[in-house]
Amino acid sequence: MPPEVFSMQMEARVEPLTGSLPAISWRWDPETDILSGAFKGNRKSGGLTGTVELTDAEGSVAVLDVNNGVICGLDVVVWPEVSTLADLHVPAQLTDGRVVLPSRPSRPGVASLEVDTTLSIRTNSTESVFHLRIGPRRTTEVVRVADNFYVEVDQQGGVAGFWMTNVPPFTAFEEEM
């Protein structure tokens, strides 16, 4: 069944973290340039279990992994133009928690959603920190959902972006001669 498509803000709510902060490790696929990371969600029920595909008019694609409504991973599949900011770092003021996408009625069997939006990405000079922004720049609350993964939620309760930290260096696939 095809994904449900939305051209709107992706609503979310912040819940307190139960248990210890999950660990996430970022990894590159050297053949495709996809950056991926996920952790096991600990919410027992409620909400979408599947993927949310964020796409923009330029062809950029980022895919969220969602388990029982909790955002628990991200794959940057097709990269928007990347800008470098030497001193890019996660904001110091943050909350530990989990970010939950609200349950909404959907067709039976739907395990993925597609959201049309605008994506932009920045990195630091060593490419160990990436900031993926959804839509325009705005005031956000930064929620640490895993040790190296942060989700931004704006004042209207919309998902506004993601921070990925401790990203390993990209090693391109080298053909053997």
N, C-alpha and C. Protein backbone atom coordinates (compact mmCIF):
# COMPACT_ATOMS: atom_id res chain seq x y z
N MET A 1 0.85 -1.17 0.00
CA MET A 1 0.00 0.00 0.00
C MET A 1 0.90 1.24 0.00
N PRO A 2 0.59 2.25 -0.83
CA PRO A 2 1.44 3.45 -0.88
C PRO A 2 1.34 4.25 0.42
N PRO A 3 2.37 5.07 0.69
CA PRO A 3 2.34 5.87 1.92
C PRO A 3 1.28 6.95 1.83
N GLU A 4 0.79 7.39 3.00
CA GLU A 4 -0.08 8.55 3.05
C GLU A 4 0.80 9.78 2.92
N VAL A 5 0.38 10.78 2.11
CA VAL A 5 1.19 11.96 1.84
C VAL A 5 0.56 13.18 2.49
N PHE A 6 1.38 13.96 3.20
CA PHE A 6 0.93 15.17 3.86
C PHE A 6 1.85 16.32 3.45
N SER A 7 1.28 17.50 3.20
CA SER A 7 2.06 18.70 2.94
C SER A 7 1.81 19.65 4.10
N MET A 8 2.38 19.35 5.24
CA MET A 8 2.13 20.15 6.42
C MET A 8 3.22 19.92 7.45
N GLN A 9 3.08 20.62 8.53
CA GLN A 9 3.98 20.44 9.66
C GLN A 9 3.76 19.07 10.27
N MET A 10 4.83 18.46 10.70
CA MET A 10 4.74 17.16 11.35
C MET A 10 4.60 17.41 12.86
N GLU A 11 3.42 17.16 13.40
CA GLU A 11 3.14 17.41 14.81
C GLU A 11 3.84 16.38 15.69
N ALA A 12 4.21 16.83 16.89
CA ALA A 12 4.88 15.94 17.85
C ALA A 12 4.65 16.47 19.25
N ARG A 13 4.88 15.60 20.21
CA ARG A 13 4.86 16.04 21.61
C ARG A 13 6.07 15.41 22.30
N VAL A 14 6.51 16.10 23.32
CA VAL A 14 7.66 15.64 24.09
C VAL A 14 7.14 14.93 25.33
N GLU A 15 7.64 13.71 25.57
CA GLU A 15 7.31 12.95 26.77
C GLU A 15 8.57 12.78 27.60
N PRO A 16 8.41 12.64 28.92
CA PRO A 16 9.58 12.39 29.76
C PRO A 16 10.25 11.07 29.36
N LEU A 17 11.54 11.03 29.51
CA LEU A 17 12.29 9.81 29.24
C LEU A 17 12.05 8.83 30.38
N THR A 18 11.72 7.59 30.05
CA THR A 18 11.58 6.56 31.07
C THR A 18 12.76 5.61 30.91
N GLY A 19 13.49 5.39 31.96
CA GLY A 19 14.67 4.55 31.87
C GLY A 19 15.89 5.37 31.48
N SER A 20 16.93 4.66 31.10
CA SER A 20 18.18 5.33 30.75
C SER A 20 18.14 5.86 29.32
N LEU A 21 19.01 6.80 29.04
CA LEU A 21 19.11 7.40 27.72
C LEU A 21 19.59 6.35 26.72
N PRO A 22 18.85 6.12 25.64
CA PRO A 22 19.28 5.12 24.65
C PRO A 22 20.59 5.52 23.97
N ALA A 23 21.30 4.53 23.48
CA ALA A 23 22.53 4.75 22.72
C ALA A 23 22.22 4.61 21.24
N ILE A 24 22.87 5.45 20.44
CA ILE A 24 22.72 5.37 18.99
C ILE A 24 24.10 5.51 18.37
N SER A 25 24.36 4.75 17.35
CA SER A 25 25.62 4.84 16.60
C SER A 25 25.28 5.17 15.16
N TRP A 26 25.96 6.15 14.63
CA TRP A 26 25.75 6.53 13.23
C TRP A 26 26.68 5.72 12.35
N ARG A 27 26.19 5.35 11.19
CA ARG A 27 27.01 4.60 10.24
C ARG A 27 26.71 5.08 8.83
N TRP A 28 27.75 5.04 8.02
CA TRP A 28 27.65 5.42 6.62
C TRP A 28 27.57 4.16 5.76
N ASP A 29 26.76 4.21 4.73
CA ASP A 29 26.81 3.18 3.70
C ASP A 29 27.76 3.73 2.64
N PRO A 30 28.95 3.14 2.48
CA PRO A 30 29.96 3.71 1.59
C PRO A 30 29.56 3.69 0.12
N GLU A 31 28.63 2.85 -0.26
CA GLU A 31 28.23 2.79 -1.67
C GLU A 31 27.14 3.79 -2.01
N THR A 32 26.35 4.21 -1.02
CA THR A 32 25.20 5.06 -1.32
C THR A 32 25.24 6.43 -0.64
N ASP A 33 26.19 6.69 0.24
CA ASP A 33 26.28 7.94 1.01
C ASP A 33 25.14 8.12 2.01
N ILE A 34 24.41 7.06 2.34
CA ILE A 34 23.32 7.15 3.31
C ILE A 34 23.92 7.11 4.72
N LEU A 35 23.50 8.08 5.54
CA LEU A 35 23.88 8.11 6.95
C LEU A 35 22.68 7.59 7.75
N SER A 36 22.90 6.57 8.59
CA SER A 36 21.81 5.93 9.32
C SER A 36 22.15 5.75 10.79
N GLY A 37 21.12 5.79 11.60
CA GLY A 37 21.24 5.47 13.01
C GLY A 37 19.87 5.22 13.60
N ALA A 38 19.78 4.29 14.53
CA ALA A 38 18.50 3.99 15.18
C ALA A 38 18.76 3.37 16.55
N PHE A 39 17.78 3.49 17.41
CA PHE A 39 17.83 2.83 18.71
C PHE A 39 16.49 2.16 18.95
N LYS A 40 16.47 1.25 19.89
CA LYS A 40 15.23 0.52 20.20
C LYS A 40 14.35 1.40 21.08
N GLY A 41 13.14 1.67 20.61
CA GLY A 41 12.19 2.45 21.39
C GLY A 41 11.65 1.63 22.54
N ASN A 42 11.32 2.30 23.66
CA ASN A 42 10.84 1.56 24.83
C ASN A 42 9.39 1.87 25.18
N ARG A 43 8.68 2.51 24.29
CA ARG A 43 7.26 2.77 24.52
C ARG A 43 6.49 1.52 24.12
N LYS A 44 5.55 1.11 24.95
CA LYS A 44 4.90 -0.19 24.76
C LYS A 44 3.76 -0.18 23.76
N SER A 45 3.08 0.95 23.56
CA SER A 45 1.95 0.93 22.64
C SER A 45 1.61 2.32 22.17
N GLY A 46 0.80 2.37 21.11
CA GLY A 46 0.27 3.62 20.61
C GLY A 46 1.09 4.24 19.52
N GLY A 47 0.43 4.62 18.46
CA GLY A 47 1.08 5.36 17.40
C GLY A 47 1.66 4.49 16.30
N LEU A 48 2.14 5.18 15.30
CA LEU A 48 2.70 4.56 14.11
C LEU A 48 3.95 3.74 14.43
N THR A 49 4.04 2.59 13.86
CA THR A 49 5.29 1.84 13.82
C THR A 49 5.60 1.66 12.35
N GLY A 50 6.66 2.31 11.91
CA GLY A 50 7.02 2.30 10.50
C GLY A 50 7.94 3.45 10.19
N THR A 51 7.72 4.11 9.06
CA THR A 51 8.61 5.19 8.64
C THR A 51 7.82 6.44 8.27
N VAL A 52 8.51 7.58 8.41
CA VAL A 52 8.00 8.85 7.92
C VAL A 52 9.07 9.38 6.98
N GLU A 53 8.70 9.56 5.72
CA GLU A 53 9.64 10.04 4.72
C GLU A 53 9.46 11.53 4.54
N LEU A 54 10.53 12.28 4.78
CA LEU A 54 10.54 13.72 4.59
C LEU A 54 11.16 13.99 3.23
N THR A 55 10.44 14.67 2.36
CA THR A 55 10.95 14.95 1.01
C THR A 55 10.80 16.43 0.71
N ASP A 56 11.67 16.93 -0.17
CA ASP A 56 11.52 18.31 -0.60
C ASP A 56 11.54 18.39 -2.13
N ALA A 57 11.25 19.57 -2.63
CA ALA A 57 11.13 19.78 -4.08
C ALA A 57 12.45 19.58 -4.81
N GLU A 58 13.57 19.68 -4.10
CA GLU A 58 14.88 19.50 -4.72
C GLU A 58 15.27 18.03 -4.82
N GLY A 59 14.46 17.14 -4.26
CA GLY A 59 14.75 15.70 -4.32
C GLY A 59 15.43 15.14 -3.09
N SER A 60 15.62 15.96 -2.06
CA SER A 60 16.24 15.47 -0.82
C SER A 60 15.26 14.57 -0.08
N VAL A 61 15.82 13.55 0.58
CA VAL A 61 14.98 12.60 1.31
C VAL A 61 15.64 12.23 2.63
N ALA A 62 14.88 12.34 3.72
CA ALA A 62 15.30 11.83 5.03
C ALA A 62 14.16 10.96 5.53
N VAL A 63 14.50 9.84 6.15
CA VAL A 63 13.49 8.89 6.60
C VAL A 63 13.61 8.70 8.11
N LEU A 64 12.50 8.92 8.82
CA LEU A 64 12.46 8.71 10.26
C LEU A 64 12.01 7.29 10.55
N ASP A 65 12.65 6.65 11.51
CA ASP A 65 12.19 5.37 12.02
C ASP A 65 11.32 5.66 13.24
N VAL A 66 10.12 5.09 13.25
CA VAL A 66 9.16 5.35 14.32
C VAL A 66 8.69 4.02 14.89
N ASN A 67 8.71 3.91 16.23
CA ASN A 67 8.26 2.70 16.90
C ASN A 67 7.23 3.08 17.95
N ASN A 68 5.99 2.62 17.79
CA ASN A 68 4.90 2.98 18.70
C ASN A 68 4.78 4.49 18.88
N GLY A 69 4.97 5.22 17.77
CA GLY A 69 4.85 6.66 17.78
C GLY A 69 6.11 7.41 18.13
N VAL A 70 7.14 6.74 18.67
CA VAL A 70 8.38 7.39 19.11
C VAL A 70 9.39 7.47 17.97
N ILE A 71 9.91 8.68 17.73
CA ILE A 71 10.99 8.83 16.75
C ILE A 71 12.23 8.18 17.35
N CYS A 72 12.74 7.14 16.68
CA CYS A 72 13.88 6.40 17.25
C CYS A 72 14.98 6.15 16.22
N GLY A 73 14.99 6.91 15.14
CA GLY A 73 16.07 6.77 14.18
C GLY A 73 15.89 7.69 13.00
N LEU A 74 16.96 7.84 12.23
CA LEU A 74 16.97 8.73 11.08
C LEU A 74 17.93 8.19 10.04
N ASP A 75 17.51 8.23 8.79
CA ASP A 75 18.37 7.92 7.64
C ASP A 75 18.35 9.14 6.73
N VAL A 76 19.52 9.71 6.44
CA VAL A 76 19.60 10.77 5.43
C VAL A 76 19.94 10.05 4.13
N VAL A 77 18.96 9.96 3.24
CA VAL A 77 19.06 9.12 2.05
C VAL A 77 19.57 9.91 0.86
N VAL A 78 18.92 11.02 0.54
CA VAL A 78 19.35 11.90 -0.55
C VAL A 78 19.61 13.25 0.10
N TRP A 79 20.86 13.68 0.05
CA TRP A 79 21.30 14.85 0.80
C TRP A 79 20.93 16.16 0.12
N PRO A 80 20.40 17.13 0.91
CA PRO A 80 20.29 18.49 0.37
C PRO A 80 21.69 19.09 0.31
N GLU A 81 21.81 20.26 -0.25
CA GLU A 81 23.10 20.96 -0.26
C GLU A 81 23.57 21.13 1.18
N VAL A 82 24.82 20.75 1.45
CA VAL A 82 25.38 20.80 2.81
C VAL A 82 26.24 22.05 2.94
N SER A 83 25.98 22.85 3.97
CA SER A 83 26.84 24.00 4.24
C SER A 83 27.66 23.71 5.50
N THR A 84 28.87 24.26 5.53
CA THR A 84 29.78 24.02 6.65
C THR A 84 29.88 25.27 7.51
N LEU A 85 29.74 25.07 8.80
CA LEU A 85 29.87 26.13 9.79
C LEU A 85 30.89 25.64 10.80
N ALA A 86 32.05 26.26 10.86
CA ALA A 86 33.18 25.74 11.64
C ALA A 86 32.82 25.41 13.09
N ASP A 87 32.04 26.26 13.74
CA ASP A 87 31.75 26.05 15.17
C ASP A 87 30.34 25.53 15.43
N LEU A 88 29.79 24.76 14.52
CA LEU A 88 28.44 24.20 14.70
C LEU A 88 28.43 23.22 15.87
N HIS A 89 27.51 23.40 16.79
CA HIS A 89 27.37 22.50 17.93
C HIS A 89 25.92 22.49 18.40
N VAL A 90 25.53 21.43 19.07
CA VAL A 90 24.18 21.29 19.61
C VAL A 90 23.96 22.38 20.66
N PRO A 91 22.80 23.02 20.66
CA PRO A 91 22.53 24.02 21.70
C PRO A 91 22.71 23.42 23.10
N ALA A 92 23.21 24.24 24.02
CA ALA A 92 23.50 23.77 25.38
C ALA A 92 22.24 23.50 26.18
N GLN A 93 21.18 24.27 25.94
CA GLN A 93 19.95 24.08 26.70
C GLN A 93 19.11 23.01 26.01
N LEU A 94 18.92 21.88 26.70
CA LEU A 94 18.15 20.80 26.11
C LEU A 94 17.43 20.02 27.19
N THR A 95 16.52 19.17 26.74
CA THR A 95 15.71 18.33 27.61
C THR A 95 15.94 16.88 27.22
N ASP A 96 16.10 15.99 28.20
CA ASP A 96 16.11 14.56 27.89
C ASP A 96 14.66 14.10 27.81
N GLY A 97 14.32 13.35 26.80
CA GLY A 97 12.95 12.87 26.65
C GLY A 97 12.80 12.03 25.41
N ARG A 98 11.57 11.83 25.02
CA ARG A 98 11.31 11.17 23.75
C ARG A 98 10.30 12.02 23.01
N VAL A 99 10.39 11.98 21.69
CA VAL A 99 9.50 12.76 20.85
C VAL A 99 8.53 11.79 20.20
N VAL A 100 7.24 12.06 20.42
CA VAL A 100 6.18 11.15 19.99
C VAL A 100 5.32 11.82 18.93
N LEU A 101 5.12 11.11 17.84
CA LEU A 101 4.19 11.58 16.81
C LEU A 101 2.80 11.13 17.22
N PRO A 102 1.81 12.03 17.14
CA PRO A 102 0.48 11.66 17.60
C PRO A 102 -0.15 10.59 16.72
N SER A 103 -0.99 9.79 17.35
CA SER A 103 -1.76 8.80 16.59
C SER A 103 -2.78 9.55 15.76
N ARG A 104 -2.97 9.09 14.56
CA ARG A 104 -4.00 9.68 13.72
C ARG A 104 -4.66 8.56 12.95
N PRO A 105 -5.91 8.72 12.63
CA PRO A 105 -6.57 7.67 11.86
C PRO A 105 -5.89 7.50 10.51
N SER A 106 -5.66 6.29 10.13
CA SER A 106 -5.09 6.01 8.82
C SER A 106 -5.71 4.75 8.28
N ARG A 107 -5.42 4.50 7.04
CA ARG A 107 -5.96 3.29 6.43
C ARG A 107 -5.30 2.07 7.05
N PRO A 108 -6.03 0.98 7.18
CA PRO A 108 -5.43 -0.24 7.72
C PRO A 108 -4.22 -0.66 6.88
N GLY A 109 -3.18 -1.09 7.54
CA GLY A 109 -2.00 -1.56 6.83
C GLY A 109 -0.99 -0.48 6.46
N VAL A 110 -1.29 0.80 6.75
CA VAL A 110 -0.35 1.87 6.42
C VAL A 110 0.77 1.85 7.45
N ALA A 111 2.01 1.67 6.96
CA ALA A 111 3.16 1.64 7.85
C ALA A 111 4.14 2.75 7.51
N SER A 112 3.75 3.65 6.60
CA SER A 112 4.64 4.75 6.27
C SER A 112 3.82 5.98 5.90
N LEU A 113 4.42 7.14 6.19
CA LEU A 113 3.84 8.43 5.83
C LEU A 113 4.88 9.18 5.03
N GLU A 114 4.42 10.08 4.17
CA GLU A 114 5.34 10.94 3.43
C GLU A 114 4.94 12.38 3.72
N VAL A 115 5.92 13.21 4.06
CA VAL A 115 5.69 14.61 4.37
C VAL A 115 6.50 15.45 3.40
N ASP A 116 5.81 16.30 2.63
CA ASP A 116 6.48 17.23 1.72
C ASP A 116 6.85 18.47 2.51
N THR A 117 8.13 18.85 2.47
CA THR A 117 8.63 19.95 3.28
C THR A 117 9.86 20.54 2.61
N THR A 118 10.61 21.33 3.34
CA THR A 118 11.90 21.86 2.88
C THR A 118 12.97 21.34 3.83
N LEU A 119 14.06 20.82 3.29
CA LEU A 119 15.15 20.29 4.10
C LEU A 119 16.43 21.07 3.83
N SER A 120 17.19 21.34 4.89
CA SER A 120 18.52 21.94 4.75
C SER A 120 19.42 21.29 5.79
N ILE A 121 20.72 21.27 5.49
CA ILE A 121 21.64 20.60 6.42
C ILE A 121 22.93 21.39 6.53
N ARG A 122 23.44 21.43 7.77
CA ARG A 122 24.72 22.06 8.07
C ARG A 122 25.59 21.05 8.80
N THR A 123 26.89 21.23 8.70
CA THR A 123 27.83 20.38 9.42
C THR A 123 28.97 21.23 9.95
N ASN A 124 29.73 20.67 10.88
CA ASN A 124 30.92 21.36 11.38
C ASN A 124 32.10 21.03 10.46
N SER A 125 33.24 21.63 10.73
CA SER A 125 34.39 21.46 9.84
C SER A 125 34.93 20.04 9.80
N THR A 126 34.71 19.25 10.85
CA THR A 126 35.18 17.86 10.86
C THR A 126 34.09 16.87 10.42
N GLU A 127 32.92 17.39 10.11
CA GLU A 127 31.77 16.57 9.69
C GLU A 127 31.41 15.49 10.72
N SER A 128 31.54 15.86 12.00
CA SER A 128 31.15 14.95 13.08
C SER A 128 29.81 15.35 13.69
N VAL A 129 29.34 16.55 13.37
CA VAL A 129 28.04 17.05 13.83
C VAL A 129 27.26 17.50 12.60
N PHE A 130 26.01 17.03 12.49
CA PHE A 130 25.13 17.44 11.40
C PHE A 130 23.83 17.97 12.00
N HIS A 131 23.32 19.04 11.40
CA HIS A 131 22.03 19.61 11.80
C HIS A 131 21.13 19.62 10.58
N LEU A 132 20.09 18.80 10.60
CA LEU A 132 19.10 18.73 9.53
C LEU A 132 17.89 19.54 9.97
N ARG A 133 17.58 20.59 9.23
CA ARG A 133 16.45 21.44 9.58
C ARG A 133 15.28 21.15 8.64
N ILE A 134 14.08 21.13 9.21
CA ILE A 134 12.85 20.96 8.45
C ILE A 134 12.18 22.32 8.37
N GLY A 135 11.98 22.82 7.17
CA GLY A 135 11.30 24.10 6.99
C GLY A 135 12.18 25.27 7.39
N PRO A 136 11.56 26.42 7.68
CA PRO A 136 12.33 27.63 8.00
C PRO A 136 12.93 27.58 9.39
N ARG A 137 13.93 28.44 9.62
CA ARG A 137 14.54 28.57 10.95
C ARG A 137 13.51 29.17 11.90
N ARG A 138 13.42 28.62 13.11
CA ARG A 138 12.48 29.11 14.10
C ARG A 138 12.95 28.69 15.50
N THR A 139 12.33 29.25 16.52
CA THR A 139 12.66 28.92 17.90
C THR A 139 12.23 27.49 18.19
N THR A 140 13.14 26.74 18.83
CA THR A 140 12.84 25.33 19.10
C THR A 140 13.27 24.92 20.50
N GLU A 141 12.70 23.82 20.96
CA GLU A 141 13.17 23.10 22.14
C GLU A 141 13.97 21.92 21.61
N VAL A 142 15.17 21.71 22.13
CA VAL A 142 16.00 20.59 21.70
C VAL A 142 15.84 19.46 22.71
N VAL A 143 15.46 18.29 22.20
CA VAL A 143 15.20 17.13 23.05
C VAL A 143 16.24 16.06 22.74
N ARG A 144 17.02 15.67 23.76
CA ARG A 144 17.99 14.59 23.57
C ARG A 144 17.23 13.28 23.72
N VAL A 145 17.07 12.56 22.59
CA VAL A 145 16.32 11.30 22.60
C VAL A 145 17.24 10.09 22.67
N ALA A 146 18.52 10.29 22.39
CA ALA A 146 19.55 9.26 22.51
C ALA A 146 20.87 9.98 22.71
N ASP A 147 21.92 9.23 23.06
CA ASP A 147 23.18 9.88 23.40
C ASP A 147 23.76 10.75 22.29
N ASN A 148 23.52 10.44 21.02
CA ASN A 148 24.06 11.20 19.90
C ASN A 148 22.98 11.65 18.92
N PHE A 149 21.73 11.78 19.41
CA PHE A 149 20.61 12.12 18.54
C PHE A 149 19.66 13.05 19.27
N TYR A 150 19.38 14.19 18.66
CA TYR A 150 18.56 15.23 19.25
C TYR A 150 17.47 15.61 18.25
N VAL A 151 16.27 15.86 18.76
CA VAL A 151 15.14 16.26 17.92
C VAL A 151 14.71 17.66 18.35
N GLU A 152 14.50 18.54 17.38
CA GLU A 152 14.01 19.89 17.66
C GLU A 152 12.49 19.92 17.48
N VAL A 153 11.80 20.50 18.45
CA VAL A 153 10.36 20.68 18.39
C VAL A 153 10.09 22.18 18.53
N ASP A 154 9.30 22.74 17.61
CA ASP A 154 9.05 24.19 17.66
C ASP A 154 7.93 24.53 18.64
N GLN A 155 7.68 25.82 18.81
CA GLN A 155 6.71 26.29 19.81
C GLN A 155 5.27 25.89 19.49
N GLN A 156 5.00 25.53 18.23
CA GLN A 156 3.67 25.08 17.84
C GLN A 156 3.53 23.56 17.93
N GLY A 157 4.56 22.87 18.41
CA GLY A 157 4.50 21.42 18.55
C GLY A 157 4.84 20.67 17.28
N GLY A 158 5.59 21.29 16.40
CA GLY A 158 5.99 20.63 15.16
C GLY A 158 7.44 20.20 15.20
N VAL A 159 7.76 19.09 14.55
CA VAL A 159 9.15 18.65 14.45
C VAL A 159 9.87 19.64 13.53
N ALA A 160 10.97 20.22 14.03
CA ALA A 160 11.66 21.28 13.31
C ALA A 160 13.05 20.88 12.83
N GLY A 161 13.60 19.78 13.33
CA GLY A 161 14.93 19.38 12.88
C GLY A 161 15.54 18.32 13.75
N PHE A 162 16.77 17.97 13.39
CA PHE A 162 17.50 16.89 14.06
C PHE A 162 18.97 17.25 14.15
N TRP A 163 19.59 16.85 15.24
CA TRP A 163 21.03 16.97 15.43
C TRP A 163 21.60 15.56 15.53
N MET A 164 22.65 15.31 14.79
CA MET A 164 23.36 14.03 14.84
C MET A 164 24.79 14.34 15.27
N THR A 165 25.26 13.74 16.36
CA THR A 165 26.60 14.02 16.87
C THR A 165 27.43 12.75 16.91
N ASN A 166 28.74 12.95 17.01
CA ASN A 166 29.70 11.84 17.00
C ASN A 166 29.54 10.96 15.76
N VAL A 167 29.31 11.62 14.63
CA VAL A 167 29.19 10.91 13.36
C VAL A 167 30.60 10.54 12.91
N PRO A 168 30.82 9.27 12.56
CA PRO A 168 32.16 8.87 12.12
C PRO A 168 32.48 9.47 10.75
N PRO A 169 33.76 9.54 10.41
CA PRO A 169 34.13 10.07 9.10
C PRO A 169 33.55 9.20 7.98
N PHE A 170 33.19 9.86 6.90
CA PHE A 170 32.70 9.13 5.73
C PHE A 170 33.89 8.54 4.99
N THR A 171 33.82 7.26 4.69
CA THR A 171 34.86 6.59 3.92
C THR A 171 34.20 6.10 2.65
N ALA A 172 34.52 6.74 1.55
CA ALA A 172 33.91 6.37 0.27
C ALA A 172 34.36 4.97 -0.14
N PHE A 173 33.47 4.29 -0.83
CA PHE A 173 33.76 2.96 -1.36
C PHE A 173 34.86 3.11 -2.40
N GLU A 174 35.93 2.37 -2.23
CA GLU A 174 37.03 2.42 -3.19
C GLU A 174 37.05 1.15 -4.00
N GLU A 175 36.99 1.33 -5.32
CA GLU A 175 37.01 0.16 -6.19
C GLU A 175 38.40 -0.44 -6.21
N GLU A 176 38.44 -1.76 -6.25
CA GLU A 176 39.73 -2.44 -6.33
C GLU A 176 40.22 -2.38 -7.76
N MET A 177 41.51 -2.22 -7.90
CA MET A 177 42.07 -2.10 -9.25
C MET A 177 42.58 -3.41 -9.74
